[in-house]
Amino acid sequence: MADELTLVRKAAYTLLARREYGRQEMVNKLHSKGFDPSLIDTVVEQLVAERLLSDERFVDAFVRSRGNRGYGPRRIEAELRERGISDELSDERIAAGPSEDESDWVARAAEVRCRKFGEELPKDFQERAKQMRYLEYRGFTHDQIYAVFKRNND
């Protein structure tokens, strides 16, 4: 029993050495490796108590990482939900923006639009709609998308 617990703990350390994990994500990862669920629960509780596993740290790192890759808040929120993070925690951390400034989401959306379509604004309705759909797919809200085109038209 102690040997198995040590194996589970080593596997968890190996995972945490690479990146931050959320609680549920760690449980799922260890479960997929075939460990006993009661041992997994024990190890996860120990890691949380030792502050080696933190949903808050995971969400902060995840929002920053996905934001830097050009994803918007709606898409990030959906991915966090898939990873077992509560809506309250994800909403709180996403509201801060990818770099501590909520207006940064609009700037990020403008950057993503320019990277994909270039600096020039769309000349016709169809091209504008295409660019707006792309930003929506990336997870930006309608308000953020409209702010990008309004800012660029000013």
N, C-alpha and C. Protein backbone atom coordinates (compact mmCIF):
# COMPACT_ATOMS: atom_id res chain seq x y z
N MET A 1 0.83 -1.20 0.00
CA MET A 1 0.00 0.00 0.00
C MET A 1 0.87 1.26 0.00
N ALA A 2 1.90 1.29 0.85
CA ALA A 2 2.79 2.45 0.91
C ALA A 2 3.57 2.60 -0.38
N ASP A 3 3.96 1.47 -0.97
CA ASP A 3 4.69 1.52 -2.24
C ASP A 3 3.82 2.08 -3.36
N GLU A 4 2.56 1.67 -3.37
CA GLU A 4 1.63 2.17 -4.39
C GLU A 4 1.39 3.66 -4.21
N LEU A 5 1.26 4.09 -2.96
CA LEU A 5 1.06 5.50 -2.67
C LEU A 5 2.27 6.31 -3.15
N THR A 6 3.44 5.78 -2.96
CA THR A 6 4.66 6.44 -3.42
C THR A 6 4.69 6.53 -4.95
N LEU A 7 4.24 5.48 -5.62
CA LEU A 7 4.19 5.51 -7.08
C LEU A 7 3.23 6.58 -7.60
N VAL A 8 2.07 6.68 -6.95
CA VAL A 8 1.09 7.69 -7.35
C VAL A 8 1.67 9.08 -7.13
N ARG A 9 2.31 9.27 -5.98
CA ARG A 9 2.91 10.56 -5.65
C ARG A 9 4.02 10.93 -6.65
N LYS A 10 4.86 9.97 -7.02
CA LYS A 10 5.91 10.22 -8.01
C LYS A 10 5.32 10.60 -9.37
N ALA A 11 4.26 9.91 -9.75
CA ALA A 11 3.60 10.23 -11.02
C ALA A 11 3.05 11.66 -10.98
N ALA A 12 2.46 12.04 -9.86
CA ALA A 12 1.92 13.40 -9.71
C ALA A 12 3.04 14.43 -9.75
N TYR A 13 4.15 14.16 -9.08
CA TYR A 13 5.30 15.07 -9.12
C TYR A 13 5.83 15.23 -10.55
N THR A 14 5.89 14.13 -11.26
CA THR A 14 6.36 14.18 -12.64
C THR A 14 5.47 15.07 -13.49
N LEU A 15 4.16 14.94 -13.31
CA LEU A 15 3.23 15.78 -14.05
C LEU A 15 3.39 17.25 -13.66
N LEU A 16 3.48 17.52 -12.35
CA LEU A 16 3.58 18.90 -11.88
C LEU A 16 4.91 19.55 -12.25
N ALA A 17 5.93 18.76 -12.51
CA ALA A 17 7.22 19.31 -12.91
C ALA A 17 7.13 19.97 -14.29
N ARG A 18 6.19 19.54 -15.10
CA ARG A 18 6.06 20.06 -16.46
C ARG A 18 5.22 21.32 -16.54
N ARG A 19 4.10 21.34 -15.76
CA ARG A 19 3.20 22.50 -15.80
C ARG A 19 2.23 22.42 -14.63
N GLU A 20 1.44 23.48 -14.46
CA GLU A 20 0.41 23.50 -13.42
C GLU A 20 -0.76 22.62 -13.86
N TYR A 21 -1.41 22.02 -12.89
CA TYR A 21 -2.61 21.22 -13.14
C TYR A 21 -3.69 21.68 -12.18
N GLY A 22 -4.94 21.59 -12.65
CA GLY A 22 -6.07 21.76 -11.77
C GLY A 22 -6.33 20.45 -11.04
N ARG A 23 -7.08 20.54 -9.97
CA ARG A 23 -7.36 19.36 -9.14
C ARG A 23 -8.00 18.23 -9.95
N GLN A 24 -9.09 18.53 -10.66
CA GLN A 24 -9.81 17.51 -11.41
C GLN A 24 -8.96 16.96 -12.55
N GLU A 25 -8.21 17.84 -13.18
CA GLU A 25 -7.34 17.41 -14.27
C GLU A 25 -6.28 16.42 -13.77
N MET A 26 -5.73 16.69 -12.58
CA MET A 26 -4.74 15.78 -11.99
C MET A 26 -5.38 14.43 -11.68
N VAL A 27 -6.57 14.46 -11.11
CA VAL A 27 -7.28 13.20 -10.81
C VAL A 27 -7.48 12.40 -12.09
N ASN A 28 -7.95 13.05 -13.14
CA ASN A 28 -8.19 12.37 -14.41
C ASN A 28 -6.91 11.80 -15.00
N LYS A 29 -5.83 12.56 -14.93
CA LYS A 29 -4.56 12.12 -15.48
C LYS A 29 -4.03 10.89 -14.73
N LEU A 30 -4.10 10.93 -13.40
CA LEU A 30 -3.62 9.80 -12.61
C LEU A 30 -4.52 8.58 -12.80
N HIS A 31 -5.81 8.82 -12.94
CA HIS A 31 -6.75 7.73 -13.18
C HIS A 31 -6.46 7.05 -14.51
N SER A 32 -6.11 7.85 -15.52
CA SER A 32 -5.81 7.28 -16.84
C SER A 32 -4.55 6.41 -16.81
N LYS A 33 -3.71 6.62 -15.81
CA LYS A 33 -2.50 5.81 -15.66
C LYS A 33 -2.78 4.51 -14.92
N GLY A 34 -4.04 4.33 -14.48
CA GLY A 34 -4.45 3.07 -13.88
C GLY A 34 -4.26 2.96 -12.37
N PHE A 35 -4.08 4.07 -11.69
CA PHE A 35 -3.92 4.02 -10.24
C PHE A 35 -5.26 3.86 -9.54
N ASP A 36 -5.23 3.35 -8.33
CA ASP A 36 -6.41 3.14 -7.50
C ASP A 36 -7.03 4.50 -7.13
N PRO A 37 -8.35 4.68 -7.35
CA PRO A 37 -8.99 5.96 -7.05
C PRO A 37 -8.82 6.44 -5.61
N SER A 38 -8.81 5.52 -4.64
CA SER A 38 -8.65 5.97 -3.25
C SER A 38 -7.23 6.51 -3.02
N LEU A 39 -6.24 5.91 -3.66
CA LEU A 39 -4.87 6.42 -3.56
C LEU A 39 -4.74 7.77 -4.25
N ILE A 40 -5.40 7.91 -5.37
CA ILE A 40 -5.37 9.18 -6.10
C ILE A 40 -5.94 10.29 -5.23
N ASP A 41 -7.09 10.02 -4.60
CA ASP A 41 -7.72 11.03 -3.74
C ASP A 41 -6.80 11.42 -2.59
N THR A 42 -6.15 10.44 -2.00
CA THR A 42 -5.23 10.70 -0.89
C THR A 42 -4.07 11.58 -1.34
N VAL A 43 -3.46 11.24 -2.46
CA VAL A 43 -2.32 12.00 -2.96
C VAL A 43 -2.74 13.41 -3.34
N VAL A 44 -3.87 13.55 -4.02
CA VAL A 44 -4.34 14.87 -4.43
C VAL A 44 -4.61 15.75 -3.21
N GLU A 45 -5.24 15.18 -2.19
CA GLU A 45 -5.48 15.95 -0.96
C GLU A 45 -4.16 16.40 -0.33
N GLN A 46 -3.16 15.52 -0.33
CA GLN A 46 -1.85 15.88 0.22
C GLN A 46 -1.21 17.00 -0.59
N LEU A 47 -1.29 16.90 -1.90
CA LEU A 47 -0.70 17.93 -2.76
C LEU A 47 -1.37 19.28 -2.56
N VAL A 48 -2.68 19.27 -2.39
CA VAL A 48 -3.41 20.52 -2.14
C VAL A 48 -2.99 21.09 -0.79
N ALA A 49 -2.91 20.25 0.23
CA ALA A 49 -2.51 20.69 1.57
C ALA A 49 -1.09 21.26 1.56
N GLU A 50 -0.22 20.69 0.75
CA GLU A 50 1.16 21.16 0.65
C GLU A 50 1.29 22.33 -0.32
N ARG A 51 0.18 22.76 -0.90
CA ARG A 51 0.13 23.86 -1.86
C ARG A 51 0.96 23.59 -3.12
N LEU A 52 1.11 22.35 -3.46
CA LEU A 52 1.78 21.98 -4.71
C LEU A 52 0.79 21.90 -5.87
N LEU A 53 -0.48 21.76 -5.52
CA LEU A 53 -1.56 21.67 -6.50
C LEU A 53 -2.57 22.75 -6.14
N SER A 54 -2.84 23.65 -7.09
CA SER A 54 -3.72 24.78 -6.82
C SER A 54 -4.55 25.11 -8.06
N ASP A 55 -5.86 25.09 -7.91
CA ASP A 55 -6.74 25.47 -9.02
C ASP A 55 -6.52 26.93 -9.40
N GLU A 56 -6.29 27.79 -8.41
CA GLU A 56 -6.10 29.22 -8.69
C GLU A 56 -4.85 29.45 -9.54
N ARG A 57 -3.75 28.83 -9.16
CA ARG A 57 -2.51 28.97 -9.94
C ARG A 57 -2.69 28.41 -11.34
N PHE A 58 -3.37 27.27 -11.43
CA PHE A 58 -3.61 26.65 -12.73
C PHE A 58 -4.42 27.58 -13.62
N VAL A 59 -5.48 28.16 -13.07
CA VAL A 59 -6.34 29.05 -13.88
C VAL A 59 -5.55 30.27 -14.33
N ASP A 60 -4.77 30.87 -13.44
CA ASP A 60 -3.97 32.03 -13.82
C ASP A 60 -3.02 31.69 -14.97
N ALA A 61 -2.32 30.57 -14.86
CA ALA A 61 -1.38 30.16 -15.90
C ALA A 61 -2.11 29.83 -17.20
N PHE A 62 -3.26 29.19 -17.08
CA PHE A 62 -4.03 28.80 -18.26
C PHE A 62 -4.56 30.02 -19.01
N VAL A 63 -5.13 30.98 -18.27
CA VAL A 63 -5.66 32.20 -18.89
C VAL A 63 -4.53 32.96 -19.58
N ARG A 64 -3.42 33.09 -18.91
CA ARG A 64 -2.28 33.80 -19.50
C ARG A 64 -1.79 33.08 -20.76
N SER A 65 -1.66 31.76 -20.69
CA SER A 65 -1.17 30.98 -21.83
C SER A 65 -2.11 31.06 -23.02
N ARG A 66 -3.39 30.81 -22.78
CA ARG A 66 -4.36 30.83 -23.88
C ARG A 66 -4.56 32.24 -24.42
N GLY A 67 -4.54 33.22 -23.53
CA GLY A 67 -4.65 34.61 -23.98
C GLY A 67 -3.49 34.99 -24.88
N ASN A 68 -2.29 34.55 -24.53
CA ASN A 68 -1.11 34.83 -25.35
C ASN A 68 -1.16 34.11 -26.69
N ARG A 69 -1.92 33.04 -26.77
CA ARG A 69 -2.05 32.32 -28.04
C ARG A 69 -3.19 32.85 -28.89
N GLY A 70 -3.85 33.91 -28.43
CA GLY A 70 -4.88 34.55 -29.25
C GLY A 70 -6.29 34.06 -29.01
N TYR A 71 -6.55 33.41 -27.90
CA TYR A 71 -7.90 32.97 -27.58
C TYR A 71 -8.60 33.98 -26.69
N GLY A 72 -9.91 34.08 -26.86
CA GLY A 72 -10.70 35.03 -26.09
C GLY A 72 -11.29 34.40 -24.84
N PRO A 73 -11.94 35.23 -24.04
CA PRO A 73 -12.45 34.77 -22.74
C PRO A 73 -13.51 33.68 -22.81
N ARG A 74 -14.37 33.71 -23.81
CA ARG A 74 -15.42 32.68 -23.89
C ARG A 74 -14.83 31.31 -24.17
N ARG A 75 -13.86 31.25 -25.05
CA ARG A 75 -13.23 29.98 -25.39
C ARG A 75 -12.41 29.46 -24.20
N ILE A 76 -11.70 30.35 -23.53
CA ILE A 76 -10.91 29.96 -22.37
C ILE A 76 -11.82 29.43 -21.27
N GLU A 77 -12.94 30.11 -21.07
CA GLU A 77 -13.89 29.67 -20.04
C GLU A 77 -14.42 28.27 -20.34
N ALA A 78 -14.72 28.00 -21.60
CA ALA A 78 -15.22 26.67 -21.98
C ALA A 78 -14.15 25.60 -21.75
N GLU A 79 -12.89 25.91 -22.09
CA GLU A 79 -11.81 24.95 -21.87
C GLU A 79 -11.58 24.70 -20.38
N LEU A 80 -11.71 25.74 -19.57
CA LEU A 80 -11.55 25.56 -18.12
C LEU A 80 -12.68 24.69 -17.57
N ARG A 81 -13.88 24.89 -18.07
CA ARG A 81 -15.02 24.08 -17.62
C ARG A 81 -14.77 22.61 -17.95
N GLU A 82 -14.20 22.34 -19.13
CA GLU A 82 -13.87 20.96 -19.52
C GLU A 82 -12.85 20.35 -18.57
N ARG A 83 -12.02 21.18 -17.97
CA ARG A 83 -10.97 20.70 -17.07
C ARG A 83 -11.41 20.68 -15.61
N GLY A 84 -12.70 20.90 -15.37
CA GLY A 84 -13.25 20.75 -14.03
C GLY A 84 -13.10 21.97 -13.13
N ILE A 85 -12.89 23.13 -13.71
CA ILE A 85 -12.75 24.36 -12.93
C ILE A 85 -14.13 25.00 -12.78
N SER A 86 -14.43 25.47 -11.58
CA SER A 86 -15.73 26.07 -11.32
C SER A 86 -15.91 27.36 -12.12
N ASP A 87 -17.16 27.66 -12.46
CA ASP A 87 -17.45 28.87 -13.22
C ASP A 87 -17.07 30.12 -12.42
N GLU A 88 -17.27 30.09 -11.11
CA GLU A 88 -16.96 31.25 -10.28
C GLU A 88 -15.48 31.60 -10.37
N LEU A 89 -14.63 30.59 -10.22
CA LEU A 89 -13.19 30.82 -10.26
C LEU A 89 -12.74 31.27 -11.64
N SER A 90 -13.24 30.62 -12.67
CA SER A 90 -12.82 31.00 -14.02
C SER A 90 -13.31 32.40 -14.37
N ASP A 91 -14.55 32.75 -14.00
CA ASP A 91 -15.07 34.09 -14.28
C ASP A 91 -14.23 35.16 -13.60
N GLU A 92 -13.86 34.89 -12.35
CA GLU A 92 -13.06 35.85 -11.59
C GLU A 92 -11.71 36.09 -12.24
N ARG A 93 -11.05 35.03 -12.64
CA ARG A 93 -9.70 35.15 -13.21
C ARG A 93 -9.73 35.68 -14.64
N ILE A 94 -10.74 35.30 -15.41
CA ILE A 94 -10.84 35.77 -16.78
C ILE A 94 -11.19 37.26 -16.82
N ALA A 95 -12.01 37.71 -15.88
CA ALA A 95 -12.39 39.12 -15.84
C ALA A 95 -11.17 40.02 -15.69
N ALA A 96 -10.14 39.51 -15.05
CA ALA A 96 -8.91 40.29 -14.89
C ALA A 96 -8.19 40.47 -16.22
N GLY A 97 -8.50 39.65 -17.20
CA GLY A 97 -7.86 39.76 -18.50
C GLY A 97 -6.59 38.94 -18.56
N PRO A 98 -6.03 38.85 -19.76
CA PRO A 98 -4.82 38.05 -19.94
C PRO A 98 -3.61 38.66 -19.25
N SER A 99 -3.68 39.95 -18.94
CA SER A 99 -2.56 40.58 -18.25
C SER A 99 -3.05 41.69 -17.32
N GLU A 100 -3.97 41.33 -16.44
CA GLU A 100 -4.45 42.21 -15.37
C GLU A 100 -5.20 43.45 -15.85
N ASP A 101 -5.68 43.51 -17.07
CA ASP A 101 -6.41 44.67 -17.55
C ASP A 101 -7.53 44.19 -18.47
N GLU A 102 -8.78 44.40 -18.05
CA GLU A 102 -9.91 43.87 -18.81
C GLU A 102 -9.95 44.42 -20.23
N SER A 103 -9.59 45.69 -20.41
CA SER A 103 -9.59 46.26 -21.76
C SER A 103 -8.55 45.57 -22.64
N ASP A 104 -7.67 44.84 -22.02
CA ASP A 104 -6.66 44.10 -22.76
C ASP A 104 -7.29 43.06 -23.68
N TRP A 105 -8.50 42.56 -23.35
CA TRP A 105 -9.16 41.59 -24.22
C TRP A 105 -9.48 42.22 -25.58
N VAL A 106 -9.88 43.50 -25.58
CA VAL A 106 -10.16 44.18 -26.84
C VAL A 106 -8.86 44.35 -27.63
N ALA A 107 -7.81 44.74 -26.95
CA ALA A 107 -6.51 44.88 -27.61
C ALA A 107 -6.04 43.53 -28.15
N ARG A 108 -6.28 42.47 -27.39
CA ARG A 108 -5.88 41.13 -27.83
C ARG A 108 -6.68 40.74 -29.07
N ALA A 109 -7.98 41.04 -29.08
CA ALA A 109 -8.81 40.72 -30.25
C ALA A 109 -8.33 41.49 -31.48
N ALA A 110 -7.97 42.75 -31.30
CA ALA A 110 -7.47 43.55 -32.42
C ALA A 110 -6.15 42.97 -32.95
N GLU A 111 -5.31 42.53 -32.04
CA GLU A 111 -4.03 41.92 -32.42
C GLU A 111 -4.25 40.63 -33.21
N VAL A 112 -5.20 39.81 -32.76
CA VAL A 112 -5.50 38.55 -33.44
C VAL A 112 -6.05 38.83 -34.84
N ARG A 113 -6.93 39.83 -34.95
CA ARG A 113 -7.48 40.20 -36.26
C ARG A 113 -6.38 40.66 -37.21
N CYS A 114 -5.49 41.50 -36.72
CA CYS A 114 -4.39 42.00 -37.57
C CYS A 114 -3.44 40.88 -37.98
N ARG A 115 -3.17 39.98 -37.07
CA ARG A 115 -2.25 38.88 -37.38
C ARG A 115 -2.83 37.98 -38.47
N LYS A 116 -4.14 37.77 -38.43
CA LYS A 116 -4.78 36.86 -39.40
C LYS A 116 -5.07 37.57 -40.73
N PHE A 117 -5.56 38.83 -40.65
CA PHE A 117 -6.07 39.49 -41.85
C PHE A 117 -5.25 40.71 -42.29
N GLY A 118 -4.25 41.10 -41.53
CA GLY A 118 -3.45 42.27 -41.89
C GLY A 118 -4.02 43.55 -41.29
N GLU A 119 -3.26 44.60 -41.45
CA GLU A 119 -3.62 45.90 -40.84
C GLU A 119 -4.84 46.54 -41.51
N GLU A 120 -5.01 46.29 -42.79
CA GLU A 120 -6.08 46.96 -43.54
C GLU A 120 -7.45 46.49 -43.07
N LEU A 121 -8.34 47.46 -42.87
CA LEU A 121 -9.70 47.15 -42.45
C LEU A 121 -10.50 46.58 -43.62
N PRO A 122 -11.50 45.75 -43.31
CA PRO A 122 -12.32 45.19 -44.39
C PRO A 122 -13.09 46.29 -45.13
N LYS A 123 -13.15 46.14 -46.44
CA LYS A 123 -13.80 47.15 -47.28
C LYS A 123 -15.30 46.90 -47.44
N ASP A 124 -15.70 45.63 -47.39
CA ASP A 124 -17.11 45.33 -47.60
C ASP A 124 -17.68 44.53 -46.43
N PHE A 125 -18.99 44.40 -46.46
CA PHE A 125 -19.70 43.72 -45.38
C PHE A 125 -19.30 42.26 -45.24
N GLN A 126 -19.15 41.56 -46.36
CA GLN A 126 -18.81 40.14 -46.31
C GLN A 126 -17.47 39.90 -45.64
N GLU A 127 -16.48 40.70 -45.97
CA GLU A 127 -15.15 40.53 -45.37
C GLU A 127 -15.19 40.87 -43.87
N ARG A 128 -15.93 41.91 -43.54
CA ARG A 128 -16.07 42.28 -42.12
C ARG A 128 -16.75 41.15 -41.34
N ALA A 129 -17.80 40.59 -41.91
CA ALA A 129 -18.52 39.48 -41.26
C ALA A 129 -17.59 38.28 -41.09
N LYS A 130 -16.77 38.02 -42.09
CA LYS A 130 -15.83 36.90 -42.02
C LYS A 130 -14.85 37.11 -40.86
N GLN A 131 -14.32 38.31 -40.74
CA GLN A 131 -13.37 38.60 -39.67
C GLN A 131 -14.04 38.54 -38.31
N MET A 132 -15.28 38.99 -38.23
CA MET A 132 -16.01 38.94 -36.97
C MET A 132 -16.29 37.48 -36.56
N ARG A 133 -16.65 36.65 -37.52
CA ARG A 133 -16.87 35.23 -37.23
C ARG A 133 -15.60 34.56 -36.73
N TYR A 134 -14.48 34.93 -37.33
CA TYR A 134 -13.20 34.37 -36.91
C TYR A 134 -12.91 34.74 -35.44
N LEU A 135 -13.12 36.00 -35.10
CA LEU A 135 -12.89 36.43 -33.71
C LEU A 135 -13.86 35.75 -32.75
N GLU A 136 -15.08 35.54 -33.21
CA GLU A 136 -16.06 34.84 -32.37
C GLU A 136 -15.62 33.40 -32.16
N TYR A 137 -15.13 32.76 -33.20
CA TYR A 137 -14.62 31.39 -33.10
C TYR A 137 -13.46 31.31 -32.11
N ARG A 138 -12.62 32.33 -32.09
CA ARG A 138 -11.47 32.36 -31.18
C ARG A 138 -11.91 32.61 -29.74
N GLY A 139 -13.18 32.98 -29.53
CA GLY A 139 -13.70 33.09 -28.17
C GLY A 139 -13.88 34.49 -27.64
N PHE A 140 -13.85 35.48 -28.50
CA PHE A 140 -14.07 36.85 -28.04
C PHE A 140 -15.56 37.14 -28.01
N THR A 141 -15.97 38.01 -27.09
CA THR A 141 -17.39 38.36 -26.96
C THR A 141 -17.79 39.33 -28.06
N HIS A 142 -19.09 39.46 -28.27
CA HIS A 142 -19.59 40.39 -29.29
C HIS A 142 -19.16 41.81 -28.98
N ASP A 143 -19.22 42.21 -27.72
CA ASP A 143 -18.82 43.56 -27.34
C ASP A 143 -17.35 43.81 -27.67
N GLN A 144 -16.51 42.84 -27.40
CA GLN A 144 -15.08 42.98 -27.69
C GLN A 144 -14.84 43.06 -29.20
N ILE A 145 -15.56 42.25 -29.95
CA ILE A 145 -15.41 42.26 -31.41
C ILE A 145 -15.85 43.59 -32.00
N TYR A 146 -17.02 44.07 -31.56
CA TYR A 146 -17.50 45.36 -32.07
C TYR A 146 -16.56 46.48 -31.66
N ALA A 147 -15.98 46.40 -30.49
CA ALA A 147 -15.03 47.43 -30.04
C ALA A 147 -13.80 47.46 -30.94
N VAL A 148 -13.37 46.30 -31.43
CA VAL A 148 -12.22 46.24 -32.33
C VAL A 148 -12.51 47.02 -33.60
N PHE A 149 -13.68 46.78 -34.20
CA PHE A 149 -14.00 47.43 -35.46
C PHE A 149 -14.37 48.89 -35.25
N LYS A 150 -14.98 49.21 -34.13
CA LYS A 150 -15.30 50.62 -33.83
C LYS A 150 -14.01 51.41 -33.61
N ARG A 151 -13.08 50.82 -32.84
CA ARG A 151 -11.80 51.48 -32.55
C ARG A 151 -11.05 51.73 -33.85
N ASN A 152 -11.08 50.75 -34.75
CA ASN A 152 -10.34 50.88 -36.00
C ASN A 152 -11.01 51.86 -36.97
N ASN A 153 -12.31 52.07 -36.83
CA ASN A 153 -13.02 53.00 -37.70
C ASN A 153 -12.87 54.45 -37.25
N ASP A 154 -12.49 54.63 -35.98
CA ASP A 154 -12.35 56.00 -35.45
C ASP A 154 -11.10 56.69 -35.95
